[in-house]
Amino acid sequence: MQQVIDATFDGKVLLPEHPLKIKPNTRVRLTIETSDKPSKKKRSFLQTAKSLKIDGPSDWSENFEEYMYDKDKS
């Protein structure tokens, strides 16, 4: 199987931009070709917050002060 992936080298390891379609511990052969494309797309705060998948009350944004300072709600 052959896949073309985009990755960023952080000085120690290659970090793929998307999950690979291979099982863990599978041996692979890499051919490195540098790219002029930006290494990472900028993400908005909202995209980052959504990706965290934090579970909590549905009224957090409306009543955040009560959750932060009122011990009865937390």
PDB file of N, CA and C in Angstrom:
ATOM      1  N   MET A   1       0.852  -1.174   0.000  1.00  0.00           N
ATOM      2  CA  MET A   1       0.000   0.000   0.000  1.00  0.00           C
ATOM      3  C   MET A   1       0.899   1.238   0.000  1.00  0.00           C
ATOM      4  N   GLN A   2       0.488   2.254  -0.727  1.00  0.00           N
ATOM      5  CA  GLN A   2       1.245   3.492  -0.790  1.00  0.00           C
ATOM      6  C   GLN A   2       0.350   4.649  -0.376  1.00  0.00           C
ATOM      7  N   GLN A   3       0.874   5.526   0.473  1.00  0.00           N
ATOM      8  CA  GLN A   3       0.158   6.721   0.906  1.00  0.00           C
ATOM      9  C   GLN A   3       1.087   7.910   0.744  1.00  0.00           C
ATOM     10  N   VAL A   4       0.521   9.038   0.396  1.00  0.00           N
ATOM     11  CA  VAL A   4       1.268  10.288   0.395  1.00  0.00           C
ATOM     12  C   VAL A   4       0.716  11.104   1.543  1.00  0.00           C
ATOM     13  N   ILE A   5       1.597  11.510   2.453  1.00  0.00           N
ATOM     14  CA  ILE A   5       1.152  12.272   3.622  1.00  0.00           C
ATOM     15  C   ILE A   5       1.980  13.548   3.742  1.00  0.00           C
ATOM     16  N   ASP A   6       1.410  14.542   4.385  1.00  0.00           N
ATOM     17  CA  ASP A   6       2.137  15.749   4.737  1.00  0.00           C
ATOM     18  C   ASP A   6       2.464  15.659   6.217  1.00  0.00           C
ATOM     19  N   ALA A   7       3.676  16.013   6.568  1.00  0.00           N
ATOM     20  CA  ALA A   7       4.116  15.942   7.954  1.00  0.00           C
ATOM     21  C   ALA A   7       5.066  17.090   8.235  1.00  0.00           C
ATOM     22  N   THR A   8       5.279  17.341   9.509  1.00  0.00           N
ATOM     23  CA  THR A   8       6.222  18.363   9.950  1.00  0.00           C
ATOM     24  C   THR A   8       7.287  17.694  10.794  1.00  0.00           C
ATOM     25  N   PHE A   9       8.541  18.040  10.550  1.00  0.00           N
ATOM     26  CA  PHE A   9       9.646  17.512  11.349  1.00  0.00           C
ATOM     27  C   PHE A   9       9.929  18.506  12.462  1.00  0.00           C
ATOM     28  N   ASP A  10       9.811  18.075  13.726  1.00  0.00           N
ATOM     29  CA  ASP A  10       9.984  18.989  14.862  1.00  0.00           C
ATOM     30  C   ASP A  10      11.418  19.010  15.393  1.00  0.00           C
ATOM     31  N   GLY A  11      12.327  18.382  14.679  1.00  0.00           N
ATOM     32  CA  GLY A  11      13.716  18.305  15.126  1.00  0.00           C
ATOM     33  C   GLY A  11      14.066  16.931  15.653  1.00  0.00           C
ATOM     34  N   LYS A  12      13.038  16.149  16.004  1.00  0.00           N
ATOM     35  CA  LYS A  12      13.248  14.789  16.509  1.00  0.00           C
ATOM     36  C   LYS A  12      12.401  13.760  15.773  1.00  0.00           C
ATOM     37  N   VAL A  13      11.137  14.085  15.535  1.00  0.00           N
ATOM     38  CA  VAL A  13      10.222  13.128  14.906  1.00  0.00           C
ATOM     39  C   VAL A  13       9.398  13.807  13.816  1.00  0.00           C
ATOM     40  N   LEU A  14       8.849  13.002  12.919  1.00  0.00           N
ATOM     41  CA  LEU A  14       7.916  13.493  11.911  1.00  0.00           C
ATOM     42  C   LEU A  14       6.507  13.436  12.490  1.00  0.00           C
ATOM     43  N   LEU A  15       5.770  14.519  12.364  1.00  0.00           N
ATOM     44  CA  LEU A  15       4.403  14.600  12.887  1.00  0.00           C
ATOM     45  C   LEU A  15       3.432  14.696  11.716  1.00  0.00           C
ATOM     46  N   PRO A  16       2.705  13.611  11.400  1.00  0.00           N
ATOM     47  CA  PRO A  16       1.754  13.645  10.292  1.00  0.00           C
ATOM     48  C   PRO A  16       0.631  14.645  10.561  1.00  0.00           C
ATOM     49  N   GLU A  17       0.156  15.305   9.494  1.00  0.00           N
ATOM     50  CA  GLU A  17      -0.948  16.255   9.653  1.00  0.00           C
ATOM     51  C   GLU A  17      -2.282  15.553   9.878  1.00  0.00           C
ATOM     52  N   HIS A  18      -2.381  14.302   9.440  1.00  0.00           N
ATOM     53  CA  HIS A  18      -3.610  13.528   9.599  1.00  0.00           C
ATOM     54  C   HIS A  18      -3.238  12.117  10.052  1.00  0.00           C
ATOM     55  N   PRO A  19      -4.152  11.405  10.700  1.00  0.00           N
ATOM     56  CA  PRO A  19      -3.853  10.030  11.119  1.00  0.00           C
ATOM     57  C   PRO A  19      -3.467   9.152   9.922  1.00  0.00           C
ATOM     58  N   LEU A  20      -2.544   8.236  10.167  1.00  0.00           N
ATOM     59  CA  LEU A  20      -2.125   7.316   9.109  1.00  0.00           C
ATOM     60  C   LEU A  20      -3.041   6.098   9.083  1.00  0.00           C
ATOM     61  N   LYS A  21      -3.234   5.541   7.912  1.00  0.00           N
ATOM     62  CA  LYS A  21      -4.102   4.370   7.761  1.00  0.00           C
ATOM     63  C   LYS A  21      -3.276   3.092   7.833  1.00  0.00           C
ATOM     64  N   ILE A  22      -2.495   2.969   8.898  1.00  0.00           N
ATOM     65  CA  ILE A  22      -1.702   1.758   9.116  1.00  0.00           C
ATOM     66  C   ILE A  22      -1.781   1.376  10.588  1.00  0.00           C
ATOM     67  N   LYS A  23      -1.541   0.107  10.852  1.00  0.00           N
ATOM     68  CA  LYS A  23      -1.581  -0.377  12.233  1.00  0.00           C
ATOM     69  C   LYS A  23      -0.300   0.016  12.961  1.00  0.00           C
ATOM     70  N   PRO A  24      -0.372   0.219  14.283  1.00  0.00           N
ATOM     71  CA  PRO A  24       0.833   0.516  15.061  1.00  0.00           C
ATOM     72  C   PRO A  24       1.888  -0.572  14.880  1.00  0.00           C
ATOM     73  N   ASN A  25       3.144  -0.181  14.928  1.00  0.00           N
ATOM     74  CA  ASN A  25       4.304  -1.060  14.799  1.00  0.00           C
ATOM     75  C   ASN A  25       4.482  -1.652  13.404  1.00  0.00           C
ATOM     76  N   THR A  26       3.794  -1.101  12.406  1.00  0.00           N
ATOM     77  CA  THR A  26       3.979  -1.535  11.024  1.00  0.00           C
ATOM     78  C   THR A  26       5.262  -0.905  10.485  1.00  0.00           C
ATOM     79  N   ARG A  27       6.127  -1.724   9.885  1.00  0.00           N
ATOM     80  CA  ARG A  27       7.347  -1.178   9.295  1.00  0.00           C
ATOM     81  C   ARG A  27       6.995  -0.487   7.990  1.00  0.00           C
ATOM     82  N   VAL A  28       7.604   0.672   7.772  1.00  0.00           N
ATOM     83  CA  VAL A  28       7.365   1.447   6.546  1.00  0.00           C
ATOM     84  C   VAL A  28       8.700   1.911   5.974  1.00  0.00           C
ATOM     85  N   ARG A  29       8.688   2.307   4.724  1.00  0.00           N
ATOM     86  CA  ARG A  29       9.862   2.900   4.091  1.00  0.00           C
ATOM     87  C   ARG A  29       9.494   4.336   3.743  1.00  0.00           C
ATOM     88  N   LEU A  30      10.315   5.291   4.173  1.00  0.00           N
ATOM     89  CA  LEU A  30      10.029   6.704   3.957  1.00  0.00           C
ATOM     90  C   LEU A  30      10.923   7.276   2.867  1.00  0.00           C
ATOM     91  N   THR A  31      10.335   8.096   2.024  1.00  0.00           N
ATOM     92  CA  THR A  31      11.084   8.913   1.084  1.00  0.00           C
ATOM     93  C   THR A  31      10.750  10.348   1.433  1.00  0.00           C
ATOM     94  N   ILE A  32      11.756  11.133   1.766  1.00  0.00           N
ATOM     95  CA  ILE A  32      11.528  12.493   2.236  1.00  0.00           C
ATOM     96  C   ILE A  32      11.662  13.471   1.075  1.00  0.00           C
ATOM     97  N   GLU A  33      10.655  14.310   0.927  1.00  0.00           N
ATOM     98  CA  GLU A  33      10.659  15.378  -0.074  1.00  0.00           C
ATOM     99  C   GLU A  33      10.165  16.626   0.633  1.00  0.00           C
ATOM    100  N   THR A  34      10.977  17.668   0.692  1.00  0.00           N
ATOM    101  CA  THR A  34      10.550  18.879   1.377  1.00  0.00           C
ATOM    102  C   THR A  34       9.504  19.608   0.536  1.00  0.00           C
ATOM    103  N   SER A  35       8.678  20.378   1.236  1.00  0.00           N
ATOM    104  CA  SER A  35       7.575  21.081   0.595  1.00  0.00           C
ATOM    105  C   SER A  35       7.633  22.549   0.983  1.00  0.00           C
ATOM    106  N   ASP A  36       7.209  23.402   0.074  1.00  0.00           N
ATOM    107  CA  ASP A  36       7.161  24.836   0.367  1.00  0.00           C
ATOM    108  C   ASP A  36       5.858  25.233   1.031  1.00  0.00           C
ATOM    109  N   LYS A  37       4.935  24.282   1.162  1.00  0.00           N
ATOM    110  CA  LYS A  37       3.659  24.586   1.807  1.00  0.00           C
ATOM    111  C   LYS A  37       3.887  24.917   3.272  1.00  0.00           C
ATOM    112  N   PRO A  38       3.038  25.778   3.846  1.00  0.00           N
ATOM    113  CA  PRO A  38       3.143  26.033   5.291  1.00  0.00           C
ATOM    114  C   PRO A  38       2.975  24.722   6.048  1.00  0.00           C
ATOM    115  N   SER A  39       3.710  24.578   7.157  1.00  0.00           N
ATOM    116  CA  SER A  39       3.708  23.306   7.877  1.00  0.00           C
ATOM    117  C   SER A  39       2.388  23.014   8.578  1.00  0.00           C
ATOM    118  N   LYS A  40       1.706  24.042   9.054  1.00  0.00           N
ATOM    119  CA  LYS A  40       0.436  23.816   9.737  1.00  0.00           C
ATOM    120  C   LYS A  40      -0.531  24.928   9.363  1.00  0.00           C
ATOM    121  N   LYS A  41      -1.782  24.530   9.200  1.00  0.00           N
ATOM    122  CA  LYS A  41      -2.821  25.525   8.980  1.00  0.00           C
ATOM    123  C   LYS A  41      -3.129  26.185  10.317  1.00  0.00           C
ATOM    124  N   LYS A  42      -3.354  27.486  10.280  1.00  0.00           N
ATOM    125  CA  LYS A  42      -3.721  28.176  11.508  1.00  0.00           C
ATOM    126  C   LYS A  42      -5.143  27.791  11.873  1.00  0.00           C
ATOM    127  N   ARG A  43      -5.354  27.546  13.155  1.00  0.00           N
ATOM    128  CA  ARG A  43      -6.679  27.180  13.648  1.00  0.00           C
ATOM    129  C   ARG A  43      -7.179  28.289  14.541  1.00  0.00           C
ATOM    130  N   SER A  44      -8.469  28.521  14.462  1.00  0.00           N
ATOM    131  CA  SER A  44      -9.065  29.528  15.331  1.00  0.00           C
ATOM    132  C   SER A  44      -9.182  28.972  16.748  1.00  0.00           C
ATOM    133  N   PHE A  45      -9.383  29.863  17.702  1.00  0.00           N
ATOM    134  CA  PHE A  45      -9.583  29.433  19.088  1.00  0.00           C
ATOM    135  C   PHE A  45     -10.790  28.495  19.167  1.00  0.00           C
ATOM    136  N   LEU A  46     -11.866  28.822  18.435  1.00  0.00           N
ATOM    137  CA  LEU A  46     -13.069  27.996  18.479  1.00  0.00           C
ATOM    138  C   LEU A  46     -12.791  26.587  17.952  1.00  0.00           C
ATOM    139  N   GLN A  47     -12.027  26.472  16.865  1.00  0.00           N
ATOM    140  CA  GLN A  47     -11.683  25.142  16.349  1.00  0.00           C
ATOM    141  C   GLN A  47     -10.878  24.350  17.379  1.00  0.00           C
ATOM    142  N   THR A  48      -9.949  25.017  18.034  1.00  0.00           N
ATOM    143  CA  THR A  48      -9.149  24.347  19.055  1.00  0.00           C
ATOM    144  C   THR A  48     -10.019  23.921  20.229  1.00  0.00           C
ATOM    145  N   ALA A  49     -10.894  24.815  20.693  1.00  0.00           N
ATOM    146  CA  ALA A  49     -11.777  24.498  21.819  1.00  0.00           C
ATOM    147  C   ALA A  49     -12.688  23.324  21.477  1.00  0.00           C
ATOM    148  N   LYS A  50     -13.251  23.315  20.264  1.00  0.00           N
ATOM    149  CA  LYS A  50     -14.126  22.205  19.856  1.00  0.00           C
ATOM    150  C   LYS A  50     -13.368  20.887  19.816  1.00  0.00           C
ATOM    151  N   SER A  51     -12.101  20.918  19.398  1.00  0.00           N
ATOM    152  CA  SER A  51     -11.327  19.682  19.277  1.00  0.00           C
ATOM    153  C   SER A  51     -11.016  19.065  20.639  1.00  0.00           C
ATOM    154  N   LEU A  52     -11.099  19.849  21.717  1.00  0.00           N
ATOM    155  CA  LEU A  52     -10.828  19.326  23.052  1.00  0.00           C
ATOM    156  C   LEU A  52     -11.955  18.434  23.561  1.00  0.00           C
ATOM    157  N   LYS A  53     -13.146  18.591  23.003  1.00  0.00           N
ATOM    158  CA  LYS A  53     -14.317  17.781  23.354  1.00  0.00           C
ATOM    159  C   LYS A  53     -14.549  17.752  24.868  1.00  0.00           C
ATOM    160  N   ILE A  54     -14.541  18.931  25.478  1.00  0.00           N
ATOM    161  CA  ILE A  54     -14.766  19.052  26.909  1.00  0.00           C
ATOM    162  C   ILE A  54     -16.258  18.899  27.190  1.00  0.00           C
ATOM    163  N   ASP A  55     -16.583  18.082  28.162  1.00  0.00           N
ATOM    164  CA  ASP A  55     -17.968  17.851  28.527  1.00  0.00           C
ATOM    165  C   ASP A  55     -18.308  18.727  29.734  1.00  0.00           C
ATOM    166  N   GLY A  56     -19.437  19.378  29.671  1.00  0.00           N
ATOM    167  CA  GLY A  56     -19.837  20.221  30.790  1.00  0.00           C
ATOM    168  C   GLY A  56     -21.268  20.689  30.624  1.00  0.00           C
ATOM    169  N   PRO A  57     -21.745  21.513  31.546  1.00  0.00           N
ATOM    170  CA  PRO A  57     -23.122  21.992  31.497  1.00  0.00           C
ATOM    171  C   PRO A  57     -23.377  22.812  30.225  1.00  0.00           C
ATOM    172  N   SER A  58     -24.595  22.731  29.719  1.00  0.00           N
ATOM    173  CA  SER A  58     -24.931  23.442  28.488  1.00  0.00           C
ATOM    174  C   SER A  58     -25.001  24.951  28.677  1.00  0.00           C
ATOM    175  N   ASP A  59     -25.060  25.420  29.926  1.00  0.00           N
ATOM    176  CA  ASP A  59     -25.166  26.865  30.163  1.00  0.00           C
ATOM    177  C   ASP A  59     -23.852  27.490  30.638  1.00  0.00           C
ATOM    178  N   TRP A  60     -22.740  26.857  30.377  1.00  0.00           N
ATOM    179  CA  TRP A  60     -21.441  27.401  30.787  1.00  0.00           C
ATOM    180  C   TRP A  60     -21.238  28.833  30.335  1.00  0.00           C
ATOM    181  N   SER A  61     -21.467  29.088  29.045  1.00  0.00           N
ATOM    182  CA  SER A  61     -21.170  30.425  28.525  1.00  0.00           C
ATOM    183  C   SER A  61     -22.085  31.487  29.123  1.00  0.00           C
ATOM    184  N   GLU A  62     -23.302  31.121  29.461  1.00  0.00           N
ATOM    185  CA  GLU A  62     -24.246  32.089  30.026  1.00  0.00           C
ATOM    186  C   GLU A  62     -23.992  32.331  31.515  1.00  0.00           C
ATOM    187  N   ASN A  63     -23.517  31.313  32.230  1.00  0.00           N
ATOM    188  CA  ASN A  63     -23.377  31.394  33.687  1.00  0.00           C
ATOM    189  C   ASN A  63     -21.963  31.097  34.172  1.00  0.00           C
ATOM    190  N   PHE A  64     -20.968  31.480  33.366  1.00  0.00           N
ATOM    191  CA  PHE A  64     -19.597  31.128  33.734  1.00  0.00           C
ATOM    192  C   PHE A  64     -19.178  31.712  35.080  1.00  0.00           C
ATOM    193  N   GLU A  65     -19.659  32.900  35.428  1.00  0.00           N
ATOM    194  CA  GLU A  65     -19.268  33.498  36.702  1.00  0.00           C
ATOM    195  C   GLU A  65     -19.769  32.666  37.879  1.00  0.00           C
ATOM    196  N   GLU A  66     -20.988  32.135  37.777  1.00  0.00           N
ATOM    197  CA  GLU A  66     -21.515  31.290  38.849  1.00  0.00           C
ATOM    198  C   GLU A  66     -20.696  30.009  38.984  1.00  0.00           C
ATOM    199  N   TYR A  67     -20.294  29.433  37.839  1.00  0.00           N
ATOM    200  CA  TYR A  67     -19.501  28.200  37.892  1.00  0.00           C
ATOM    201  C   TYR A  67     -18.099  28.470  38.425  1.00  0.00           C
ATOM    202  N   MET A  68     -17.553  29.652  38.148  1.00  0.00           N
ATOM    203  CA  MET A  68     -16.197  29.970  38.617  1.00  0.00           C
ATOM    204  C   MET A  68     -16.175  30.348  40.104  1.00  0.00           C
ATOM    205  N   TYR A  69     -17.211  31.058  40.572  1.00  0.00           N
ATOM    206  CA  TYR A  69     -17.136  31.629  41.916  1.00  0.00           C
ATOM    207  C   TYR A  69     -18.156  31.058  42.910  1.00  0.00           C
ATOM    208  N   ASP A  70     -19.218  30.429  42.436  1.00  0.00           N
ATOM    209  CA  ASP A  70     -20.261  29.892  43.325  1.00  0.00           C
ATOM    210  C   ASP A  70     -20.038  28.407  43.517  1.00  0.00           C
ATOM    211  N   LYS A  71     -19.685  27.988  44.690  1.00  0.00           N
ATOM    212  CA  LYS A  71     -19.370  26.579  44.958  1.00  0.00           C
ATOM    213  C   LYS A  71     -20.581  25.686  44.833  1.00  0.00           C
ATOM    214  N   ASP A  72     -21.804  26.221  44.887  1.00  0.00           N
ATOM    215  CA  ASP A  72     -22.999  25.398  44.782  1.00  0.00           C
ATOM    216  C   ASP A  72     -23.162  24.830  43.377  1.00  0.00           C
ATOM    217  N   LYS A  73     -22.715  25.538  42.338  1.00  0.00           N
ATOM    218  CA  LYS A  73     -22.885  25.079  40.955  1.00  0.00           C
ATOM    219  C   LYS A  73     -21.754  24.190  40.501  1.00  0.00           C
ATOM    220  N   SER A  74     -20.586  24.245  41.124  1.00  0.00           N
ATOM    221  CA  SER A  74     -19.449  23.500  40.587  1.00  0.00           C
ATOM    222  C   SER A  74     -19.408  22.075  41.051  1.00  0.00           C
TER     223      SER A  74
END
